[in-house]
Amino acid sequence: MGPVPSPLILRYNLLTMKVLKVLIPIAVFLISFSLLYAVFGGSGYLVNRSLGRALEALEREEEERRLEIEALERRMDQARSEAAYNDIALSLGYNQEGDVVYYFSDEDVLEPAWDEVDPGEDVVVWEGLPTWILALTALALTVALSALCAFLLRRHGRARDDAWQRDAIRRGDDFDW
């Protein structure tokens, strides 16, 4: 038989085990909550990726609007020339001497150009999961991991006790069952 541990060491070991039984689930909860928040939270990875896509869509829309404004400015500069004034006068029904005049009965011949502009797509931004859902998920994960650890430790303890008993029986120790 080996040396018998002192009661102080046994009390320290029991206290350490009790503290660890509390600290380990708290650490598991904090780590799992932090990871869930980093991925699914309000400022997590998925939200930032969604914001990035929305930003790209808005930048494309801004570029399209800028190009449209430049085209309208060029068109406005061209409209200020003498030839443009004559074209506008002809389109409004004025004619020059010797011209053959054609009349159109459709009202949709001169529609405004801005009716054809596509309003663009709506950008949907994912705002992340609420914090309380992430906390409940982390708590459920902690409970599941704690239950799994307790089950595995009990099973390991029983296997160790069974092995110890088998060795004791082989040695010929007498047990009162």
C-alpha atoms as a PDB file:
ATOM      1  CA  MET A   1       0.000   0.000   0.000  1.00  0.00           C
ATOM      2  CA  GLY A   2       1.203   3.462  -0.834  1.00  0.00           C
ATOM      3  CA  PRO A   3       1.248   6.528   1.357  1.00  0.00           C
ATOM      4  CA  VAL A   4      -2.126   7.743   2.608  1.00  0.00           C
ATOM      5  CA  PRO A   5      -2.921  11.312   1.505  1.00  0.00           C
ATOM      6  CA  SER A   6      -3.536  13.783   4.288  1.00  0.00           C
ATOM      7  CA  PRO A   7      -7.071  15.099   4.908  1.00  0.00           C
ATOM      8  CA  LEU A   8      -5.919  18.567   3.865  1.00  0.00           C
ATOM      9  CA  ILE A   9      -4.888  17.308   0.425  1.00  0.00           C
ATOM     10  CA  LEU A  10      -8.171  15.409   0.069  1.00  0.00           C
ATOM     11  CA  ARG A  11     -10.149  18.527   1.051  1.00  0.00           C
ATOM     12  CA  TYR A  12      -8.106  20.591  -1.464  1.00  0.00           C
ATOM     13  CA  ASN A  13      -8.785  18.041  -4.201  1.00  0.00           C
ATOM     14  CA  LEU A  14     -12.519  17.997  -3.433  1.00  0.00           C
ATOM     15  CA  LEU A  15     -12.649  21.797  -3.368  1.00  0.00           C
ATOM     16  CA  THR A  16     -10.735  21.942  -6.643  1.00  0.00           C
ATOM     17  CA  MET A  17     -13.133  19.458  -8.238  1.00  0.00           C
ATOM     18  CA  LYS A  18     -16.181  21.432  -7.055  1.00  0.00           C
ATOM     19  CA  VAL A  19     -14.719  24.661  -8.399  1.00  0.00           C
ATOM     20  CA  LEU A  20     -13.859  23.011 -11.707  1.00  0.00           C
ATOM     21  CA  LYS A  21     -17.377  21.594 -11.978  1.00  0.00           C
ATOM     22  CA  VAL A  22     -18.625  25.189 -11.881  1.00  0.00           C
ATOM     23  CA  LEU A  23     -15.874  26.938 -13.836  1.00  0.00           C
ATOM     24  CA  ILE A  24     -15.753  24.541 -16.788  1.00  0.00           C
ATOM     25  CA  PRO A  25     -19.451  24.996 -17.748  1.00  0.00           C
ATOM     26  CA  ILE A  26     -19.098  28.757 -17.312  1.00  0.00           C
ATOM     27  CA  ALA A  27     -16.044  28.747 -19.580  1.00  0.00           C
ATOM     28  CA  VAL A  28     -17.852  26.561 -22.133  1.00  0.00           C
ATOM     29  CA  PHE A  29     -20.834  28.941 -22.056  1.00  0.00           C
ATOM     30  CA  LEU A  30     -18.671  32.040 -22.515  1.00  0.00           C
ATOM     31  CA  ILE A  31     -16.625  30.507 -25.322  1.00  0.00           C
ATOM     32  CA  SER A  32     -19.654  29.157 -27.185  1.00  0.00           C
ATOM     33  CA  PHE A  33     -21.569  32.433 -26.760  1.00  0.00           C
ATOM     34  CA  SER A  34     -18.562  34.405 -28.015  1.00  0.00           C
ATOM     35  CA  LEU A  35     -18.204  32.183 -31.075  1.00  0.00           C
ATOM     36  CA  LEU A  36     -21.936  32.320 -31.841  1.00  0.00           C
ATOM     37  CA  TYR A  37     -21.963  36.097 -31.460  1.00  0.00           C
ATOM     38  CA  ALA A  38     -18.878  36.445 -33.660  1.00  0.00           C
ATOM     39  CA  VAL A  39     -20.603  34.518 -36.451  1.00  0.00           C
ATOM     40  CA  PHE A  40     -24.348  35.193 -36.055  1.00  0.00           C
ATOM     41  CA  GLY A  41     -24.488  38.328 -33.852  1.00  0.00           C
ATOM     42  CA  GLY A  42     -25.399  41.888 -34.712  1.00  0.00           C
ATOM     43  CA  SER A  43     -21.833  42.742 -35.737  1.00  0.00           C
ATOM     44  CA  GLY A  44     -20.720  39.239 -36.674  1.00  0.00           C
ATOM     45  CA  TYR A  45     -19.257  37.716 -39.789  1.00  0.00           C
ATOM     46  CA  LEU A  46     -22.554  37.018 -41.580  1.00  0.00           C
ATOM     47  CA  VAL A  47     -23.891  40.522 -40.953  1.00  0.00           C
ATOM     48  CA  ASN A  48     -20.663  42.080 -42.223  1.00  0.00           C
ATOM     49  CA  ARG A  49     -20.760  39.894 -45.332  1.00  0.00           C
ATOM     50  CA  SER A  50     -24.376  40.938 -45.959  1.00  0.00           C
ATOM     51  CA  LEU A  51     -23.434  44.602 -45.501  1.00  0.00           C
ATOM     52  CA  GLY A  52     -20.561  44.137 -47.936  1.00  0.00           C
ATOM     53  CA  ARG A  53     -22.926  42.787 -50.586  1.00  0.00           C
ATOM     54  CA  ALA A  54     -25.346  45.661 -49.959  1.00  0.00           C
ATOM     55  CA  LEU A  55     -22.500  48.161 -50.245  1.00  0.00           C
ATOM     56  CA  GLU A  56     -21.394  46.656 -53.561  1.00  0.00           C
ATOM     57  CA  ALA A  57     -24.959  46.870 -54.904  1.00  0.00           C
ATOM     58  CA  LEU A  58     -25.263  50.501 -53.796  1.00  0.00           C
ATOM     59  CA  GLU A  59     -21.896  51.358 -55.343  1.00  0.00           C
ATOM     60  CA  ARG A  60     -23.016  49.794 -58.644  1.00  0.00           C
ATOM     61  CA  GLU A  61     -26.246  51.786 -58.479  1.00  0.00           C
ATOM     62  CA  GLU A  62     -24.306  54.965 -57.712  1.00  0.00           C
ATOM     63  CA  GLU A  63     -22.023  54.325 -60.704  1.00  0.00           C
ATOM     64  CA  GLU A  64     -25.067  53.783 -62.952  1.00  0.00           C
ATOM     65  CA  ARG A  65     -26.609  57.043 -61.729  1.00  0.00           C
ATOM     66  CA  ARG A  66     -23.323  58.901 -62.279  1.00  0.00           C
ATOM     67  CA  LEU A  67     -23.114  57.578 -65.855  1.00  0.00           C
ATOM     68  CA  GLU A  68     -26.736  58.526 -66.430  1.00  0.00           C
ATOM     69  CA  ILE A  69     -26.078  62.061 -65.157  1.00  0.00           C
ATOM     70  CA  GLU A  70     -23.042  62.403 -67.427  1.00  0.00           C
ATOM     71  CA  ALA A  71     -25.114  61.230 -70.409  1.00  0.00           C
ATOM     72  CA  LEU A  72     -27.843  63.742 -69.575  1.00  0.00           C
ATOM     73  CA  GLU A  73     -25.264  66.539 -69.262  1.00  0.00           C
ATOM     74  CA  ARG A  74     -23.826  65.659 -72.683  1.00  0.00           C
ATOM     75  CA  ARG A  75     -27.333  65.551 -74.114  1.00  0.00           C
ATOM     76  CA  MET A  76     -28.073  68.944 -72.565  1.00  0.00           C
ATOM     77  CA  ASP A  77     -24.881  70.420 -74.071  1.00  0.00           C
ATOM     78  CA  GLN A  78     -25.831  69.035 -77.470  1.00  0.00           C
ATOM     79  CA  ALA A  79     -29.377  70.380 -77.114  1.00  0.00           C
ATOM     80  CA  ARG A  80     -28.040  73.930 -76.852  1.00  0.00           C
ATOM     81  CA  SER A  81     -26.727  73.909 -80.434  1.00  0.00           C
ATOM     82  CA  GLU A  82     -28.594  75.434 -83.408  1.00  0.00           C
ATOM     83  CA  ALA A  83     -29.161  72.047 -85.024  1.00  0.00           C
ATOM     84  CA  ALA A  84     -30.726  70.774 -81.826  1.00  0.00           C
ATOM     85  CA  TYR A  85     -33.128  73.704 -81.736  1.00  0.00           C
ATOM     86  CA  ASN A  86     -34.214  72.898 -85.289  1.00  0.00           C
ATOM     87  CA  ASP A  87     -34.694  69.207 -84.362  1.00  0.00           C
ATOM     88  CA  ILE A  88     -36.796  70.170 -81.358  1.00  0.00           C
ATOM     89  CA  ALA A  89     -38.874  72.550 -83.473  1.00  0.00           C
ATOM     90  CA  LEU A  90     -39.460  69.804 -86.026  1.00  0.00           C
ATOM     91  CA  SER A  91     -40.445  67.319 -83.310  1.00  0.00           C
ATOM     92  CA  LEU A  92     -42.949  69.824 -81.915  1.00  0.00           C
ATOM     93  CA  GLY A  93     -44.632  70.203 -85.288  1.00  0.00           C
ATOM     94  CA  TYR A  94     -42.874  73.219 -86.736  1.00  0.00           C
ATOM     95  CA  ASN A  95     -41.566  72.836 -90.240  1.00  0.00           C
ATOM     96  CA  GLN A  96     -39.372  74.639 -92.662  1.00  0.00           C
ATOM     97  CA  GLU A  97     -40.437  75.760 -96.083  1.00  0.00           C
ATOM     98  CA  GLY A  98     -40.587  72.930 -98.586  1.00  0.00           C
ATOM     99  CA  ASP A  99     -40.740  70.143 -95.978  1.00  0.00           C
ATOM    100  CA  VAL A 100     -43.294  67.379 -96.204  1.00  0.00           C
ATOM    101  CA  VAL A 101     -45.214  67.144 -92.923  1.00  0.00           C
ATOM    102  CA  TYR A 102     -46.294  63.782 -91.475  1.00  0.00           C
ATOM    103  CA  TYR A 103     -48.799  63.527 -88.633  1.00  0.00           C
ATOM    104  CA  PHE A 104     -48.830  60.637 -86.143  1.00  0.00           C
ATOM    105  CA  SER A 105     -51.972  59.793 -84.252  1.00  0.00           C
ATOM    106  CA  ASP A 106     -50.302  57.753 -81.480  1.00  0.00           C
ATOM    107  CA  GLU A 107     -49.926  59.591 -78.213  1.00  0.00           C
ATOM    108  CA  ASP A 108     -46.956  57.507 -77.046  1.00  0.00           C
ATOM    109  CA  VAL A 109     -44.553  58.710 -79.747  1.00  0.00           C
ATOM    110  CA  LEU A 110     -42.843  61.166 -77.409  1.00  0.00           C
ATOM    111  CA  GLU A 111     -42.671  59.532 -73.996  1.00  0.00           C
ATOM    112  CA  PRO A 112     -40.343  60.964 -71.385  1.00  0.00           C
ATOM    113  CA  ALA A 113     -37.070  59.074 -71.025  1.00  0.00           C
ATOM    114  CA  TRP A 114     -37.198  58.888 -67.219  1.00  0.00           C
ATOM    115  CA  ASP A 115     -40.161  56.489 -67.276  1.00  0.00           C
ATOM    116  CA  GLU A 116     -37.871  53.823 -68.716  1.00  0.00           C
ATOM    117  CA  VAL A 117     -35.340  54.002 -65.857  1.00  0.00           C
ATOM    118  CA  ASP A 118     -35.293  50.869 -63.699  1.00  0.00           C
ATOM    119  CA  PRO A 119     -35.756  51.804 -60.043  1.00  0.00           C
ATOM    120  CA  GLY A 120     -33.118  49.223 -59.042  1.00  0.00           C
ATOM    121  CA  GLU A 121     -33.248  46.216 -56.814  1.00  0.00           C
ATOM    122  CA  ASP A 122     -34.058  46.360 -53.136  1.00  0.00           C
ATOM    123  CA  VAL A 123     -31.038  45.586 -51.018  1.00  0.00           C
ATOM    124  CA  VAL A 124     -31.775  43.282 -48.098  1.00  0.00           C
ATOM    125  CA  VAL A 125     -29.341  43.412 -45.193  1.00  0.00           C
ATOM    126  CA  TRP A 126     -29.359  40.632 -42.601  1.00  0.00           C
ATOM    127  CA  GLU A 127     -29.162  42.127 -39.130  1.00  0.00           C
ATOM    128  CA  GLY A 128     -28.100  39.011 -37.236  1.00  0.00           C
ATOM    129  CA  LEU A 129     -29.775  36.942 -34.572  1.00  0.00           C
ATOM    130  CA  PRO A 130     -30.945  38.569 -31.335  1.00  0.00           C
ATOM    131  CA  THR A 131     -28.548  38.213 -28.429  1.00  0.00           C
ATOM    132  CA  TRP A 132     -31.038  36.293 -26.282  1.00  0.00           C
ATOM    133  CA  ILE A 133     -31.327  33.576 -28.948  1.00  0.00           C
ATOM    134  CA  LEU A 134     -27.549  33.293 -29.070  1.00  0.00           C
ATOM    135  CA  ALA A 135     -27.408  33.095 -25.261  1.00  0.00           C
ATOM    136  CA  LEU A 136     -30.059  30.350 -25.183  1.00  0.00           C
ATOM    137  CA  THR A 137     -28.208  28.434 -27.886  1.00  0.00           C
ATOM    138  CA  ALA A 138     -24.954  28.731 -25.955  1.00  0.00           C
ATOM    139  CA  LEU A 139     -26.726  27.590 -22.780  1.00  0.00           C
ATOM    140  CA  ALA A 140     -28.215  24.584 -24.574  1.00  0.00           C
ATOM    141  CA  LEU A 141     -24.784  23.726 -25.957  1.00  0.00           C
ATOM    142  CA  THR A 142     -23.279  24.025 -22.472  1.00  0.00           C
ATOM    143  CA  VAL A 143     -25.932  21.770 -20.945  1.00  0.00           C
ATOM    144  CA  ALA A 144     -25.486  19.206 -23.708  1.00  0.00           C
ATOM    145  CA  LEU A 145     -21.694  19.189 -23.332  1.00  0.00           C
ATOM    146  CA  SER A 146     -21.957  18.983 -19.533  1.00  0.00           C
ATOM    147  CA  ALA A 147     -24.358  16.043 -19.773  1.00  0.00           C
ATOM    148  CA  LEU A 148     -22.083  14.316 -22.266  1.00  0.00           C
ATOM    149  CA  CYS A 149     -19.028  14.850 -20.041  1.00  0.00           C
ATOM    150  CA  ALA A 150     -20.905  13.586 -16.964  1.00  0.00           C
ATOM    151  CA  PHE A 151     -22.025  10.498 -18.861  1.00  0.00           C
ATOM    152  CA  LEU A 152     -18.532   9.788 -20.175  1.00  0.00           C
ATOM    153  CA  LEU A 153     -16.906  10.350 -16.770  1.00  0.00           C
ATOM    154  CA  ARG A 154     -19.371   8.009 -15.056  1.00  0.00           C
ATOM    155  CA  ARG A 155     -18.798   5.396 -17.697  1.00  0.00           C
ATOM    156  CA  HIS A 156     -15.019   5.822 -17.438  1.00  0.00           C
ATOM    157  CA  GLY A 157     -15.243   5.645 -13.637  1.00  0.00           C
ATOM    158  CA  ARG A 158     -17.257   2.428 -13.780  1.00  0.00           C
ATOM    159  CA  ALA A 159     -14.811   0.898 -16.233  1.00  0.00           C
ATOM    160  CA  ARG A 160     -11.909   1.878 -13.971  1.00  0.00           C
ATOM    161  CA  ASP A 161     -13.684   0.440 -10.897  1.00  0.00           C
ATOM    162  CA  ASP A 162     -14.482  -2.763 -12.791  1.00  0.00           C
ATOM    163  CA  ALA A 163     -10.836  -3.093 -13.856  1.00  0.00           C
ATOM    164  CA  TRP A 164      -9.685  -2.467 -10.273  1.00  0.00           C
ATOM    165  CA  GLN A 165     -12.090  -5.140  -8.987  1.00  0.00           C
ATOM    166  CA  ARG A 166     -10.950  -7.642 -11.610  1.00  0.00           C
ATOM    167  CA  ASP A 167      -7.323  -7.045 -10.615  1.00  0.00           C
ATOM    168  CA  ALA A 168      -8.223  -7.408  -6.942  1.00  0.00           C
ATOM    169  CA  ILE A 169     -10.041 -10.692  -7.601  1.00  0.00           C
ATOM    170  CA  ARG A 170      -7.051 -11.998  -9.534  1.00  0.00           C
ATOM    171  CA  ARG A 171      -4.790 -11.088  -6.612  1.00  0.00           C
ATOM    172  CA  GLY A 172      -7.105 -13.010  -4.315  1.00  0.00           C
ATOM    173  CA  ASP A 173      -8.460 -10.102  -2.276  1.00  0.00           C
ATOM    174  CA  ASP A 174     -11.585 -10.972  -0.315  1.00  0.00           C
ATOM    175  CA  PHE A 175     -14.662  -8.764  -0.798  1.00  0.00           C
ATOM    176  CA  ASP A 176     -17.914  -8.709   1.068  1.00  0.00           C
ATOM    177  CA  TRP A 177     -20.455  -8.327  -1.686  1.00  0.00           C
END
